[in-house]
PDB file of N, CA and C in Angstrom:
ATOM      1  N   MET A   1       0.183 -14.509  -8.800  1.00  0.00           N
ATOM      2  CA  MET A   1      -0.381 -13.714  -7.859  1.00  0.00           C
ATOM      3  C   MET A   1       1.054 -12.962  -7.609  1.00  0.00           C
ATOM      4  N   LYS A   2       1.138 -11.921  -7.283  1.00  0.00           N
ATOM      5  CA  LYS A   2       2.282 -11.127  -7.021  1.00  0.00           C
ATOM      6  C   LYS A   2       2.170 -10.211  -6.209  1.00  0.00           C
ATOM      7  N   SER A   3       3.374 -10.047  -5.188  1.00  0.00           N
ATOM      8  CA  SER A   3       3.190  -8.917  -4.607  1.00  0.00           C
ATOM      9  C   SER A   3       3.688  -7.516  -4.834  1.00  0.00           C
ATOM     10  N   ILE A   4       2.371  -6.813  -4.415  1.00  0.00           N
ATOM     11  CA  ILE A   4       2.536  -5.467  -4.916  1.00  0.00           C
ATOM     12  C   ILE A   4       2.190  -4.235  -3.921  1.00  0.00           C
ATOM     13  N   LEU A   5       3.353  -3.065  -3.910  1.00  0.00           N
ATOM     14  CA  LEU A   5       3.166  -2.307  -2.730  1.00  0.00           C
ATOM     15  C   LEU A   5       2.515  -0.772  -3.531  1.00  0.00           C
ATOM     16  N   VAL A   6       1.711  -0.113  -3.145  1.00  0.00           N
ATOM     17  CA  VAL A   6       1.237   0.919  -3.408  1.00  0.00           C
ATOM     18  C   VAL A   6       1.147   1.936  -2.234  1.00  0.00           C
ATOM     19  N   THR A   7       1.619   3.013  -2.436  1.00  0.00           N
ATOM     20  CA  THR A   7       1.939   4.051  -2.000  1.00  0.00           C
ATOM     21  C   THR A   7       0.617   5.120  -2.338  1.00  0.00           C
ATOM     22  N   GLY A   8      -0.158   5.490  -1.224  1.00  0.00           N
ATOM     23  CA  GLY A   8      -0.922   6.618  -1.219  1.00  0.00           C
ATOM     24  C   GLY A   8      -1.902   5.655  -1.462  1.00  0.00           C
ATOM     25  N   GLY A   9      -1.829   4.459  -1.155  1.00  0.00           N
ATOM     26  CA  GLY A   9      -3.460   3.276  -0.867  1.00  0.00           C
ATOM     27  C   GLY A   9      -4.183   3.227   0.141  1.00  0.00           C
ATOM     28  N   ALA A  10      -4.200   4.852   0.851  1.00  0.00           N
ATOM     29  CA  ALA A  10      -5.550   5.022   1.504  1.00  0.00           C
ATOM     30  C   ALA A  10      -6.218   6.019   0.837  1.00  0.00           C
ATOM     31  N   GLY A  11      -5.953   6.471  -0.296  1.00  0.00           N
ATOM     32  CA  GLY A  11      -6.385   7.806  -0.613  1.00  0.00           C
ATOM     33  C   GLY A  11      -7.741   7.594  -1.876  1.00  0.00           C
ATOM     34  N   TYR A  12      -8.561   8.194  -2.194  1.00  0.00           N
ATOM     35  CA  TYR A  12      -9.554   7.966  -3.308  1.00  0.00           C
ATOM     36  C   TYR A  12      -8.917   7.218  -4.299  1.00  0.00           C
ATOM     37  N   ILE A  13      -8.101   7.409  -5.208  1.00  0.00           N
ATOM     38  CA  ILE A  13      -7.713   6.420  -6.324  1.00  0.00           C
ATOM     39  C   ILE A  13      -6.611   5.427  -5.796  1.00  0.00           C
ATOM     40  N   GLY A  14      -5.738   5.415  -5.013  1.00  0.00           N
ATOM     41  CA  GLY A  14      -4.849   4.399  -4.268  1.00  0.00           C
ATOM     42  C   GLY A  14      -5.928   3.375  -3.905  1.00  0.00           C
ATOM     43  N   SER A  15      -6.822   3.633  -3.072  1.00  0.00           N
ATOM     44  CA  SER A  15      -7.686   2.786  -2.393  1.00  0.00           C
ATOM     45  C   SER A  15      -8.459   1.984  -3.252  1.00  0.00           C
ATOM     46  N   HIS A  16      -8.892   2.406  -4.786  1.00  0.00           N
ATOM     47  CA  HIS A  16      -9.620   1.529  -5.856  1.00  0.00           C
ATOM     48  C   HIS A  16      -8.507   0.877  -6.361  1.00  0.00           C
ATOM     49  N   VAL A  17      -7.108   1.185  -6.890  1.00  0.00           N
ATOM     50  CA  VAL A  17      -6.244   0.661  -7.149  1.00  0.00           C
ATOM     51  C   VAL A  17      -5.961  -0.456  -6.417  1.00  0.00           C
ATOM     52  N   VAL A  18      -6.299  -0.187  -5.007  1.00  0.00           N
ATOM     53  CA  VAL A  18      -5.577  -1.556  -3.869  1.00  0.00           C
ATOM     54  C   VAL A  18      -6.773  -2.433  -4.445  1.00  0.00           C
ATOM     55  N   GLN A  19      -8.133  -2.138  -3.970  1.00  0.00           N
ATOM     56  CA  GLN A  19      -9.433  -2.740  -4.259  1.00  0.00           C
ATOM     57  C   GLN A  19      -9.517  -3.927  -5.389  1.00  0.00           C
ATOM     58  N   LEU A  20      -8.614  -3.266  -6.919  1.00  0.00           N
ATOM     59  CA  LEU A  20      -8.666  -4.253  -7.703  1.00  0.00           C
ATOM     60  C   LEU A  20      -7.942  -5.268  -7.747  1.00  0.00           C
ATOM     61  N   LEU A  21      -6.948  -4.947  -7.630  1.00  0.00           N
ATOM     62  CA  LEU A  21      -5.208  -5.606  -7.289  1.00  0.00           C
ATOM     63  C   LEU A  21      -6.059  -6.886  -6.253  1.00  0.00           C
ATOM     64  N   CYS A  22      -6.447  -6.357  -5.182  1.00  0.00           N
ATOM     65  CA  CYS A  22      -7.070  -7.827  -4.235  1.00  0.00           C
ATOM     66  C   CYS A  22      -7.995  -8.919  -5.371  1.00  0.00           C
ATOM     67  N   ASP A  23      -8.840  -8.083  -5.578  1.00  0.00           N
ATOM     68  CA  ASP A  23     -10.532  -8.972  -6.259  1.00  0.00           C
ATOM     69  C   ASP A  23      -9.275  -9.390  -7.454  1.00  0.00           C
ATOM     70  N   GLU A  24      -7.900  -9.357  -7.799  1.00  0.00           N
ATOM     71  CA  GLU A  24      -7.342  -9.918  -9.078  1.00  0.00           C
ATOM     72  C   GLU A  24      -6.368 -10.946  -8.472  1.00  0.00           C
ATOM     73  N   GLY A  25      -6.746 -10.533  -6.491  1.00  0.00           N
ATOM     74  CA  GLY A  25      -6.087 -12.210  -5.951  1.00  0.00           C
ATOM     75  C   GLY A  25      -4.510 -12.088  -5.709  1.00  0.00           C
ATOM     76  N   HIS A  26      -3.788 -10.861  -6.451  1.00  0.00           N
ATOM     77  CA  HIS A  26      -2.425  -9.793  -5.391  1.00  0.00           C
ATOM     78  C   HIS A  26      -2.397  -9.975  -4.185  1.00  0.00           C
ATOM     79  N   SER A  27      -1.073  -9.901  -3.407  1.00  0.00           N
ATOM     80  CA  SER A  27      -1.086  -9.810  -2.326  1.00  0.00           C
ATOM     81  C   SER A  27      -0.583  -8.300  -2.321  1.00  0.00           C
ATOM     82  N   VAL A  28      -1.370  -7.677  -1.394  1.00  0.00           N
ATOM     83  CA  VAL A  28      -0.729  -6.021  -1.471  1.00  0.00           C
ATOM     84  C   VAL A  28      -0.626  -5.281  -0.196  1.00  0.00           C
ATOM     85  N   THR A  29       0.575  -4.036  -0.379  1.00  0.00           N
ATOM     86  CA  THR A  29       0.747  -3.824   0.871  1.00  0.00           C
ATOM     87  C   THR A  29       0.780  -2.469   0.522  1.00  0.00           C
ATOM     88  N   VAL A  30      -0.135  -1.594   1.865  1.00  0.00           N
ATOM     89  CA  VAL A  30       0.146  -0.161   1.487  1.00  0.00           C
ATOM     90  C   VAL A  30       0.749   0.845   2.289  1.00  0.00           C
ATOM     91  N   PHE A  31       1.139   1.779   1.715  1.00  0.00           N
ATOM     92  CA  PHE A  31       2.373   2.599   2.160  1.00  0.00           C
ATOM     93  C   PHE A  31       1.665   3.881   2.172  1.00  0.00           C
ATOM     94  N   ASP A  32       1.382   4.609   2.990  1.00  0.00           N
ATOM     95  CA  ASP A  32       0.498   6.275   3.063  1.00  0.00           C
ATOM     96  C   ASP A  32       0.776   7.059   4.575  1.00  0.00           C
ATOM     97  N   ASN A  33       1.440   8.158   4.313  1.00  0.00           N
ATOM     98  CA  ASN A  33       1.146   9.366   5.443  1.00  0.00           C
ATOM     99  C   ASN A  33      -0.014   9.559   5.997  1.00  0.00           C
ATOM    100  N   PHE A  34      -1.327   9.240   5.754  1.00  0.00           N
ATOM    101  CA  PHE A  34      -2.313   9.421   5.995  1.00  0.00           C
ATOM    102  C   PHE A  34      -2.601  10.962   6.101  1.00  0.00           C
ATOM    103  N   SER A  35      -2.008  12.112   5.611  1.00  0.00           N
ATOM    104  CA  SER A  35      -2.565  13.222   5.173  1.00  0.00           C
ATOM    105  C   SER A  35      -3.585  13.675   4.797  1.00  0.00           C
ATOM    106  N   LEU A  36      -4.000  12.936   3.427  1.00  0.00           N
ATOM    107  CA  LEU A  36      -5.480  12.823   2.797  1.00  0.00           C
ATOM    108  C   LEU A  36      -5.993  11.610   2.723  1.00  0.00           C
ATOM    109  N   GLY A  37      -5.457  10.858   2.727  1.00  0.00           N
ATOM    110  CA  GLY A  37      -5.875   9.103   2.968  1.00  0.00           C
ATOM    111  C   GLY A  37      -6.732   8.746   4.237  1.00  0.00           C
ATOM    112  N   ARG A  38      -7.582   7.620   4.467  1.00  0.00           N
ATOM    113  CA  ARG A  38      -8.161   7.521   5.671  1.00  0.00           C
ATOM    114  C   ARG A  38      -8.111   5.795   5.569  1.00  0.00           C
ATOM    115  N   ARG A  39      -7.762   5.225   6.634  1.00  0.00           N
ATOM    116  CA  ARG A  39      -7.425   4.113   6.814  1.00  0.00           C
ATOM    117  C   ARG A  39      -8.804   3.171   7.062  1.00  0.00           C
ATOM    118  N   GLU A  40      -9.570   3.852   6.881  1.00  0.00           N
ATOM    119  CA  GLU A  40     -11.192   2.823   6.772  1.00  0.00           C
ATOM    120  C   GLU A  40     -11.359   2.657   5.102  1.00  0.00           C
ATOM    121  N   ASN A  41     -10.565   3.563   4.379  1.00  0.00           N
ATOM    122  CA  ASN A  41     -10.380   3.387   2.955  1.00  0.00           C
ATOM    123  C   ASN A  41      -9.820   2.058   2.395  1.00  0.00           C
ATOM    124  N   ILE A  42      -8.928   1.765   2.845  1.00  0.00           N
ATOM    125  CA  ILE A  42      -7.971   0.148   2.850  1.00  0.00           C
ATOM    126  C   ILE A  42      -8.585  -0.942   2.957  1.00  0.00           C
ATOM    127  N   ASP A  43      -8.822  -1.503   1.823  1.00  0.00           N
ATOM    128  CA  ASP A  43      -9.210  -3.081   1.756  1.00  0.00           C
ATOM    129  C   ASP A  43      -9.027  -3.721   2.829  1.00  0.00           C
ATOM    130  N   HIS A  44     -10.149  -4.534   3.271  1.00  0.00           N
ATOM    131  CA  HIS A  44      -9.598  -5.823   4.844  1.00  0.00           C
ATOM    132  C   HIS A  44      -8.904  -6.675   4.018  1.00  0.00           C
ATOM    133  N   ARG A  45      -8.684  -6.805   2.857  1.00  0.00           N
ATOM    134  CA  ARG A  45      -7.758  -7.846   2.194  1.00  0.00           C
ATOM    135  C   ARG A  45      -6.364  -7.658   2.326  1.00  0.00           C
ATOM    136  N   VAL A  46      -6.075  -6.410   2.506  1.00  0.00           N
ATOM    137  CA  VAL A  46      -4.444  -5.810   2.453  1.00  0.00           C
ATOM    138  C   VAL A  46      -3.748  -6.814   3.780  1.00  0.00           C
ATOM    139  N   GLU A  47      -2.507  -7.127   3.094  1.00  0.00           N
ATOM    140  CA  GLU A  47      -1.907  -7.872   4.097  1.00  0.00           C
ATOM    141  C   GLU A  47      -0.645  -7.033   5.469  1.00  0.00           C
ATOM    142  N   ASP A  48      -0.335  -5.676   4.766  1.00  0.00           N
ATOM    143  CA  ASP A  48       0.283  -4.589   5.480  1.00  0.00           C
ATOM    144  C   ASP A  48       0.056  -3.529   5.419  1.00  0.00           C
ATOM    145  N   VAL A  49       0.352  -2.482   6.462  1.00  0.00           N
ATOM    146  CA  VAL A  49      -0.235  -1.054   6.272  1.00  0.00           C
ATOM    147  C   VAL A  49       1.260  -1.001   6.826  1.00  0.00           C
ATOM    148  N   PHE A  50       1.605   0.479   6.138  1.00  0.00           N
ATOM    149  CA  PHE A  50       2.469   1.252   7.079  1.00  0.00           C
ATOM    150  C   PHE A  50       2.477   2.615   6.749  1.00  0.00           C
ATOM    151  N   GLU A  51       2.513   3.293   7.622  1.00  0.00           N
ATOM    152  CA  GLU A  51       2.544   5.054   7.914  1.00  0.00           C
ATOM    153  C   GLU A  51       4.078   5.372   7.485  1.00  0.00           C
ATOM    154  N   GLY A  52       4.001   6.402   6.541  1.00  0.00           N
ATOM    155  CA  GLY A  52       5.090   6.921   6.716  1.00  0.00           C
ATOM    156  C   GLY A  52       5.623   7.733   5.369  1.00  0.00           C
ATOM    157  N   ASP A  53       6.692   8.754   5.855  1.00  0.00           N
ATOM    158  CA  ASP A  53       6.775   9.649   4.295  1.00  0.00           C
ATOM    159  C   ASP A  53       7.616   8.765   3.396  1.00  0.00           C
ATOM    160  N   LEU A  54       7.234   8.982   1.999  1.00  0.00           N
ATOM    161  CA  LEU A  54       8.348   8.314   0.757  1.00  0.00           C
ATOM    162  C   LEU A  54       9.527   8.891   1.027  1.00  0.00           C
ATOM    163  N   LEU A  55      10.148  10.134   1.602  1.00  0.00           N
ATOM    164  CA  LEU A  55      11.135  11.214   1.461  1.00  0.00           C
ATOM    165  C   LEU A  55      12.085  10.622   2.900  1.00  0.00           C
ATOM    166  N   ASN A  56      11.110  10.079   4.102  1.00  0.00           N
ATOM    167  CA  ASN A  56      12.203   9.275   5.046  1.00  0.00           C
ATOM    168  C   ASN A  56      12.965   7.968   4.735  1.00  0.00           C
ATOM    169  N   LYS A  57      14.044   7.971   4.747  1.00  0.00           N
ATOM    170  CA  LYS A  57      14.609   6.504   4.252  1.00  0.00           C
ATOM    171  C   LYS A  57      14.080   5.555   5.639  1.00  0.00           C
ATOM    172  N   GLU A  58      14.184   5.984   6.803  1.00  0.00           N
ATOM    173  CA  GLU A  58      13.544   4.718   7.656  1.00  0.00           C
ATOM    174  C   GLU A  58      12.296   4.760   7.744  1.00  0.00           C
ATOM    175  N   ASP A  59      11.300   5.139   7.471  1.00  0.00           N
ATOM    176  CA  ASP A  59       9.829   4.822   7.050  1.00  0.00           C
ATOM    177  C   ASP A  59       9.858   4.160   5.871  1.00  0.00           C
ATOM    178  N   LEU A  60      10.643   4.350   4.879  1.00  0.00           N
ATOM    179  CA  LEU A  60      10.493   3.678   3.318  1.00  0.00           C
ATOM    180  C   LEU A  60      11.449   2.353   3.833  1.00  0.00           C
ATOM    181  N   SER A  61      11.997   2.148   4.342  1.00  0.00           N
ATOM    182  CA  SER A  61      12.833   0.956   5.056  1.00  0.00           C
ATOM    183  C   SER A  61      11.994  -0.318   5.593  1.00  0.00           C
ATOM    184  N   LYS A  62      11.038   0.091   6.458  1.00  0.00           N
ATOM    185  CA  LYS A  62      10.010  -0.490   6.978  1.00  0.00           C
ATOM    186  C   LYS A  62       9.222  -1.575   6.304  1.00  0.00           C
ATOM    187  N   VAL A  63       9.242  -0.691   4.870  1.00  0.00           N
ATOM    188  CA  VAL A  63       7.823  -2.077   3.824  1.00  0.00           C
ATOM    189  C   VAL A  63       9.085  -2.980   3.101  1.00  0.00           C
ATOM    190  N   PHE A  64      10.403  -3.526   3.170  1.00  0.00           N
ATOM    191  CA  PHE A  64      11.037  -3.776   2.730  1.00  0.00           C
ATOM    192  C   PHE A  64      11.819  -5.284   3.248  1.00  0.00           C
ATOM    193  N   TYR A  65      10.856  -5.120   3.996  1.00  0.00           N
ATOM    194  CA  TYR A  65      11.407  -6.533   5.028  1.00  0.00           C
ATOM    195  C   TYR A  65      10.870  -8.068   4.047  1.00  0.00           C
ATOM    196  N   LYS A  66      10.168  -8.012   3.013  1.00  0.00           N
ATOM    197  CA  LYS A  66       9.342  -9.199   1.911  1.00  0.00           C
ATOM    198  C   LYS A  66       9.842  -8.834   0.539  1.00  0.00           C
ATOM    199  N   GLN A  67       9.780  -9.757   0.056  1.00  0.00           N
ATOM    200  CA  GLN A  67       9.661  -9.246  -1.610  1.00  0.00           C
ATOM    201  C   GLN A  67       8.683  -8.779  -2.387  1.00  0.00           C
ATOM    202  N   ILE A  68       8.839  -7.311  -3.017  1.00  0.00           N
ATOM    203  CA  ILE A  68       7.892  -7.132  -3.476  1.00  0.00           C
ATOM    204  C   ILE A  68       8.010  -6.695  -4.968  1.00  0.00           C
ATOM    205  N   ASP A  69       7.130  -7.257  -5.776  1.00  0.00           N
ATOM    206  CA  ASP A  69       7.541  -7.542  -7.249  1.00  0.00           C
ATOM    207  C   ASP A  69       7.195  -6.048  -8.115  1.00  0.00           C
ATOM    208  N   ALA A  70       6.167  -5.396  -7.527  1.00  0.00           N
ATOM    209  CA  ALA A  70       6.082  -4.072  -8.346  1.00  0.00           C
ATOM    210  C   ALA A  70       5.625  -3.073  -7.251  1.00  0.00           C
ATOM    211  N   VAL A  71       5.943  -1.823  -7.738  1.00  0.00           N
ATOM    212  CA  VAL A  71       5.321  -0.726  -6.725  1.00  0.00           C
ATOM    213  C   VAL A  71       4.499   0.354  -7.792  1.00  0.00           C
ATOM    214  N   ILE A  72       2.968   0.406  -7.308  1.00  0.00           N
ATOM    215  CA  ILE A  72       2.070   1.654  -7.845  1.00  0.00           C
ATOM    216  C   ILE A  72       2.531   2.550  -7.330  1.00  0.00           C
ATOM    217  N   HIS A  73       2.956   3.643  -7.644  1.00  0.00           N
ATOM    218  CA  HIS A  73       3.432   4.827  -7.065  1.00  0.00           C
ATOM    219  C   HIS A  73       2.305   6.215  -7.693  1.00  0.00           C
TER     220      HIS A  73
END
């Protein structure tokens, strides 16, 4: 099991990637600005959901409080 960060995980493609990763038993964290994605698209097994902009260092720094093994962007 790996800890995986998915940026844009609330969008159409991202939410399907998140579901697949959860199905495979990975620990998934979602980072999204919710401009196009919706919270209800996120799988209920996701451990953490962060709202923010990838270009904002403060927003992005919130995500890395724990070990992340991989990022899917």
